[in-house]
């Protein structure tokens, strides 16, 4: 302002000197001459009015309904208040807006925020065969037949090591498929599963055959706690099934062929193809 007001420098020259527009220099000069130094303080860019704001009479009615519903002992939440507003023929705002109005007026105490997603630690093995994950997925074929798909994948590369479908997966299927997959890709250092009975017998106070096989092979076994299924985050994320007649083809998300299997409800499904054993 000293350049224009005191030193008499032109508006355009001042704007060029400080890298701003001439219109902005004119605005500041006008404010300075009208209000003095206080006119140069930063101002809020919030609009003077909001045509989408909830009308004051509707906001007041929301508060009245809240008090009335609380007094008679019925539900007084935002959903219920919106229903009453609609019955009265008023332009009811959204449920979230009603909730914000109640909170702003002091009728709702905000609950503590949930644990932020950023606080969760994403785990991933550093090397191939450092950790395998196994899971069982339910699937329904086009003809309505229900199957269960047992998979093992490498936690580092996310490679689907094997995928086999059964009418119902049991512990022996897990043991057999793990042995076949280990013979092809090598024995992993550890295995991670959920707390399913096909994997471990902790809930029954014993040890499953799969656990015994891992112990004999020197493989560290890890599983989730009951009703705490973090290990299921890869379920269905890497496998795609394409069904044609009685043949199911397995492929990765990128379209890479894994193998195919012919469905037979009378026995375990027998896979075929070089990429799927």
Protein backbone atom coordinates (compact mmCIF):
# COMPACT_ATOMS: atom_id res chain seq x y z
CA UNK A 1 0.00 0.00 0.00
CA UNK A 2 2.94 2.32 0.63
CA UNK A 3 3.88 2.05 -3.05
CA UNK A 4 0.51 3.40 -4.19
CA UNK A 5 -0.68 5.58 -1.32
CA UNK A 6 2.59 7.08 -0.06
CA UNK A 7 5.04 6.76 -2.95
CA UNK A 8 2.51 7.45 -5.70
CA UNK A 9 3.47 4.37 -7.77
CA UNK A 10 0.87 3.39 -10.34
CA UNK A 11 -1.49 0.45 -9.81
CA UNK A 12 -0.17 -1.53 -12.77
CA UNK A 13 3.46 -0.94 -11.80
CA UNK A 14 2.73 -2.05 -8.23
CA UNK A 15 0.91 -5.17 -9.44
CA UNK A 16 3.82 -6.08 -11.69
CA UNK A 17 6.32 -5.43 -8.90
CA UNK A 18 4.59 -7.77 -6.43
CA UNK A 19 3.27 -10.32 -8.93
CA UNK A 20 -0.45 -9.76 -8.35
CA UNK A 21 -3.31 -8.55 -10.51
CA UNK A 22 -4.09 -4.81 -10.86
CA UNK A 23 -7.68 -5.54 -9.71
CA UNK A 24 -6.40 -6.98 -6.44
CA UNK A 25 -4.20 -3.91 -5.86
CA UNK A 26 -7.23 -1.67 -6.43
CA UNK A 27 -9.26 -3.71 -3.95
CA UNK A 28 -6.58 -3.43 -1.27
CA UNK A 29 -6.14 0.30 -1.83
CA UNK A 30 -9.89 0.85 -1.50
CA UNK A 31 -10.04 -1.16 1.74
CA UNK A 32 -7.03 0.69 3.14
CA UNK A 33 -8.51 4.11 2.43
CA UNK A 34 -11.86 3.13 3.93
CA UNK A 35 -10.78 1.07 6.96
CA UNK A 36 -7.09 1.78 7.46
CA UNK A 37 -4.62 -1.06 8.29
CA UNK A 38 -7.51 -3.23 9.56
CA UNK A 39 -8.83 -3.42 6.00
CA UNK A 40 -5.74 -5.37 4.92
CA UNK A 41 -6.31 -8.27 7.32
CA UNK A 42 -7.21 -11.65 5.83
CA UNK A 43 -10.92 -12.17 5.34
CA UNK A 44 -13.05 -15.30 5.19
CA UNK A 45 -13.96 -16.52 1.71
CA UNK A 46 -17.17 -18.05 2.98
CA UNK A 47 -20.17 -16.86 0.93
CA UNK A 48 -22.51 -14.38 2.61
CA UNK A 49 -25.49 -16.67 1.99
CA UNK A 50 -26.19 -20.31 1.12
CA UNK A 51 -29.31 -21.09 -0.85
CA UNK A 52 -29.05 -24.76 0.14
CA UNK A 53 -29.00 -24.04 3.87
CA UNK A 54 -31.78 -25.53 5.99
CA UNK A 55 -34.48 -22.87 6.58
CA UNK A 56 -34.52 -21.56 10.17
CA UNK A 57 -38.14 -22.67 10.71
CA UNK A 58 -37.27 -26.24 9.69
CA UNK A 59 -34.23 -26.25 11.96
CA UNK A 60 -36.33 -24.98 14.85
CA UNK A 61 -38.93 -27.69 14.18
CA UNK A 62 -36.19 -30.33 14.26
CA UNK A 63 -35.25 -29.18 17.76
CA UNK A 64 -38.90 -29.13 18.86
CA UNK A 65 -39.45 -32.66 17.57
CA UNK A 66 -36.32 -33.84 19.33
CA UNK A 67 -37.59 -32.50 22.66
CA UNK A 68 -41.11 -33.88 22.13
CA UNK A 69 -39.89 -37.37 21.21
CA UNK A 70 -37.49 -37.49 24.15
CA UNK A 71 -40.26 -36.40 26.55
CA UNK A 72 -42.60 -39.22 25.50
CA UNK A 73 -39.78 -41.77 25.64
CA UNK A 74 -39.70 -42.82 21.97
CA UNK A 75 -36.84 -42.92 19.50
CA UNK A 76 -35.61 -39.39 18.84
CA UNK A 77 -32.92 -40.07 16.27
CA UNK A 78 -32.39 -38.26 12.99
CA UNK A 79 -34.27 -40.92 10.97
CA UNK A 80 -37.38 -40.61 13.17
CA UNK A 81 -37.27 -36.82 13.08
CA UNK A 82 -37.09 -36.85 9.29
CA UNK A 83 -40.14 -39.13 9.13
CA UNK A 84 -42.13 -36.69 11.28
CA UNK A 85 -41.05 -33.75 9.13
CA UNK A 86 -42.24 -35.49 5.98
CA UNK A 87 -45.57 -36.32 7.61
CA UNK A 88 -46.00 -32.64 8.42
CA UNK A 89 -45.35 -31.70 4.81
CA UNK A 90 -42.08 -29.92 5.48
CA UNK A 91 -39.03 -30.07 3.22
CA UNK A 92 -37.02 -32.49 5.33
CA UNK A 93 -33.23 -32.29 5.00
CA UNK A 94 -31.11 -35.42 4.83
CA UNK A 95 -30.57 -37.59 7.89
CA UNK A 96 -26.92 -36.50 8.07
CA UNK A 97 -27.96 -32.83 8.03
CA UNK A 98 -30.46 -33.40 10.84
CA UNK A 99 -27.72 -35.15 12.81
CA UNK A 100 -25.38 -32.18 12.32
CA UNK A 101 -28.10 -29.75 13.44
CA UNK A 102 -28.72 -31.78 16.60
CA UNK A 103 -24.99 -31.94 17.29
CA UNK A 104 -24.50 -28.21 16.71
CA UNK A 105 -27.38 -27.38 19.04
CA UNK A 106 -25.95 -29.59 21.77
CA UNK A 107 -28.53 -32.40 21.68
CA UNK A 108 -26.06 -35.08 20.58
CA UNK A 109 -22.70 -35.83 22.12
CA UNK A 110 -20.35 -36.92 19.33
CA UNK A 111 -19.10 -40.46 19.86
CA UNK A 112 -15.34 -41.09 19.85
CA UNK A 113 -14.03 -41.65 16.36
CA UNK A 114 -13.32 -45.18 15.26
CA UNK A 115 -9.79 -46.37 14.91
CA UNK A 116 -8.36 -44.75 11.74
CA UNK A 117 -7.50 -47.05 8.88
CA UNK A 118 -4.01 -45.60 8.81
CA UNK A 119 -3.32 -47.23 12.17
CA UNK A 120 -3.63 -50.73 10.72
CA UNK A 121 -0.42 -52.42 9.66
CA UNK A 122 -0.46 -54.14 6.27
CA UNK A 123 1.66 -57.27 6.45
CA UNK A 124 3.47 -58.80 3.50
CA UNK A 125 6.23 -61.39 3.44
CA UNK A 126 9.63 -60.11 2.31
CA UNK A 127 10.59 -63.21 0.32
CA UNK A 128 8.86 -65.91 -1.75
CA UNK A 129 7.98 -69.01 0.28
CA UNK A 130 8.45 -67.03 3.49
CA UNK A 131 4.73 -67.33 4.15
CA UNK A 132 1.82 -69.03 2.42
CA UNK A 133 -1.78 -68.13 3.03
CA UNK A 134 -4.61 -70.60 2.68
CA UNK A 135 -8.33 -70.08 2.59
CA UNK A 136 -11.55 -71.82 1.60
CA UNK A 137 -14.16 -70.00 -0.48
CA UNK A 138 -17.76 -70.99 -1.11
CA UNK A 139 -18.90 -70.78 -4.73
CA UNK A 140 -22.07 -71.60 -6.59
CA UNK A 141 -21.89 -72.95 -10.13
CA UNK A 142 -24.20 -71.86 -12.89
CA UNK A 143 -26.42 -74.90 -12.39
CA UNK A 144 -26.82 -74.09 -8.69
CA UNK A 145 -24.33 -76.68 -7.44
CA UNK A 146 -22.45 -75.45 -4.39
CA UNK A 147 -18.70 -76.06 -4.21
CA UNK A 148 -15.88 -75.09 -1.89
CA UNK A 149 -12.58 -73.88 -3.35
CA UNK A 150 -9.39 -74.45 -1.40
CA UNK A 151 -6.43 -72.22 -2.27
CA UNK A 152 -2.84 -71.63 -1.25
CA UNK A 153 -1.08 -68.41 -2.27
CA UNK A 154 2.36 -66.98 -1.68
CA UNK A 155 2.11 -63.96 0.61
CA UNK A 156 5.04 -62.15 -1.03
CA UNK A 157 4.26 -62.49 -4.74
CA UNK A 158 0.49 -63.07 -4.37
CA UNK A 159 0.93 -65.99 -6.74
CA UNK A 160 -1.94 -68.46 -6.51
CA UNK A 161 0.02 -71.64 -5.98
CA UNK A 162 -2.99 -73.93 -6.26
CA UNK A 163 -6.76 -73.82 -6.37
CA UNK A 164 -8.92 -76.92 -6.18
CA UNK A 165 -12.68 -77.30 -5.88
CA UNK A 166 -14.47 -79.90 -3.75
CA UNK A 167 -18.09 -80.61 -2.88
CA UNK A 168 -17.02 -80.06 0.77
CA UNK A 169 -13.49 -79.35 1.96
CA UNK A 170 -12.19 -81.38 4.89
CA UNK A 171 -8.91 -81.68 6.73
CA UNK A 172 -7.56 -84.47 4.51
CA UNK A 173 -8.07 -82.30 1.44
CA UNK A 174 -5.97 -79.58 3.08
CA UNK A 175 -3.18 -81.99 3.96
CA UNK A 176 -3.10 -83.59 0.52
CA UNK A 177 -3.17 -80.29 -1.39
CA UNK A 178 -0.47 -78.76 0.81
CA UNK A 179 1.80 -81.77 0.23
CA UNK A 180 1.27 -81.63 -3.55
CA UNK A 181 1.89 -77.88 -3.66
CA UNK A 182 5.03 -78.14 -1.50
CA UNK A 183 6.40 -80.82 -3.82
CA UNK A 184 5.98 -78.42 -6.74
CA UNK A 185 7.05 -75.09 -5.22
CA UNK A 186 9.08 -76.09 -2.18
CA UNK A 187 8.19 -76.05 1.52
CA UNK A 188 7.32 -72.60 2.93
CA UNK A 189 8.81 -71.23 6.12
CA UNK A 190 5.37 -70.52 7.56
CA UNK A 191 1.66 -70.91 6.81
CA UNK A 192 -1.10 -68.49 7.76
CA UNK A 193 -4.80 -69.45 7.84
CA UNK A 194 -8.00 -68.47 9.56
CA UNK A 195 -9.29 -70.41 12.55
CA UNK A 196 -11.31 -72.91 10.47
CA UNK A 197 -11.71 -76.48 11.68
CA UNK A 198 -10.23 -77.78 8.40
CA UNK A 199 -6.90 -76.26 9.46
CA UNK A 200 -6.57 -76.62 13.21
CA UNK A 201 -8.20 -78.35 16.17
CA UNK A 202 -7.57 -75.73 18.82
CA UNK A 203 -11.28 -75.33 19.53
CA UNK A 204 -11.49 -79.08 20.10
CA UNK A 205 -8.52 -79.10 22.44
CA UNK A 206 -6.28 -81.10 20.16
CA UNK A 207 -4.08 -80.98 17.07
CA UNK A 208 -5.18 -81.51 13.50
CA UNK A 209 -3.39 -83.64 10.95
CA UNK A 210 -2.47 -80.50 9.03
CA UNK A 211 -0.83 -79.03 12.13
CA UNK A 212 1.09 -82.26 12.65
CA UNK A 213 2.30 -82.21 9.03
CA UNK A 214 3.53 -78.63 9.40
CA UNK A 215 5.30 -79.44 12.65
CA UNK A 216 7.01 -82.45 11.09
CA UNK A 217 8.17 -80.34 8.14
CA UNK A 218 9.47 -77.56 10.41
CA UNK A 219 6.89 -75.06 9.13
CA UNK A 220 5.70 -72.33 11.50
CA UNK A 221 1.90 -72.33 11.69
CA UNK A 222 -0.02 -69.09 12.35
CA UNK A 223 -3.76 -68.59 12.50
CA UNK A 224 -6.19 -65.87 13.50
CA UNK A 225 -8.18 -65.77 16.70
CA UNK A 226 -11.83 -66.92 16.62
CA UNK A 227 -14.14 -64.21 15.21
CA UNK A 228 -11.08 -62.11 14.32
CA UNK A 229 -10.64 -62.82 10.59
CA UNK A 230 -7.86 -60.53 9.34
CA UNK A 231 -6.44 -63.42 7.30
CA UNK A 232 -9.47 -63.37 5.01
CA UNK A 233 -8.52 -60.14 3.25
CA UNK A 234 -7.37 -61.99 0.13
CA UNK A 235 -10.52 -64.08 -0.20
CA UNK A 236 -11.73 -63.92 -3.79
CA UNK A 237 -9.30 -61.11 -4.58
CA UNK A 238 -6.98 -62.98 -6.92
CA UNK A 239 -9.02 -65.76 -8.50
CA UNK A 240 -11.61 -65.59 -11.24
CA UNK A 241 -13.77 -68.58 -12.21
CA UNK A 242 -15.24 -69.07 -15.68
CA UNK A 243 -17.84 -71.85 -15.95
CA UNK A 244 -18.73 -73.55 -19.23
CA UNK A 245 -20.91 -76.66 -19.00
CA UNK A 246 -19.20 -78.81 -16.35
CA UNK A 247 -15.72 -77.28 -16.71
CA UNK A 248 -14.51 -74.51 -14.41
CA UNK A 249 -11.47 -72.48 -15.49
CA UNK A 250 -9.37 -70.68 -12.88
CA UNK A 251 -7.50 -67.47 -13.79
CA UNK A 252 -5.88 -64.55 -12.01
CA UNK A 253 -7.29 -61.03 -12.06
CA UNK A 254 -4.90 -60.23 -14.92
CA UNK A 255 -6.28 -63.12 -16.99
CA UNK A 256 -3.33 -65.46 -16.44
CA UNK A 257 -4.46 -69.08 -16.77
CA UNK A 258 -4.10 -71.17 -13.63
CA UNK A 259 -5.91 -74.32 -14.67
CA UNK A 260 -9.28 -75.93 -15.04
CA UNK A 261 -11.26 -78.67 -13.37
CA UNK A 262 -14.19 -80.85 -14.39
CA UNK A 263 -17.00 -80.87 -11.86
CA UNK A 264 -18.20 -84.24 -10.62
CA UNK A 265 -20.54 -84.24 -7.60
CA UNK A 266 -19.72 -87.87 -6.82
CA UNK A 267 -16.03 -87.37 -6.10
CA UNK A 268 -13.33 -84.80 -5.50
CA UNK A 269 -12.93 -82.64 -8.55
CA UNK A 270 -9.94 -83.75 -10.58
CA UNK A 271 -8.06 -80.89 -12.22
CA UNK A 272 -6.36 -81.08 -15.57
CA UNK A 273 -3.89 -78.87 -17.44
CA UNK A 274 -0.21 -78.10 -16.98
CA UNK A 275 -0.80 -74.96 -14.94
CA UNK A 276 -3.04 -76.55 -12.30
CA UNK A 277 -2.22 -79.60 -10.22
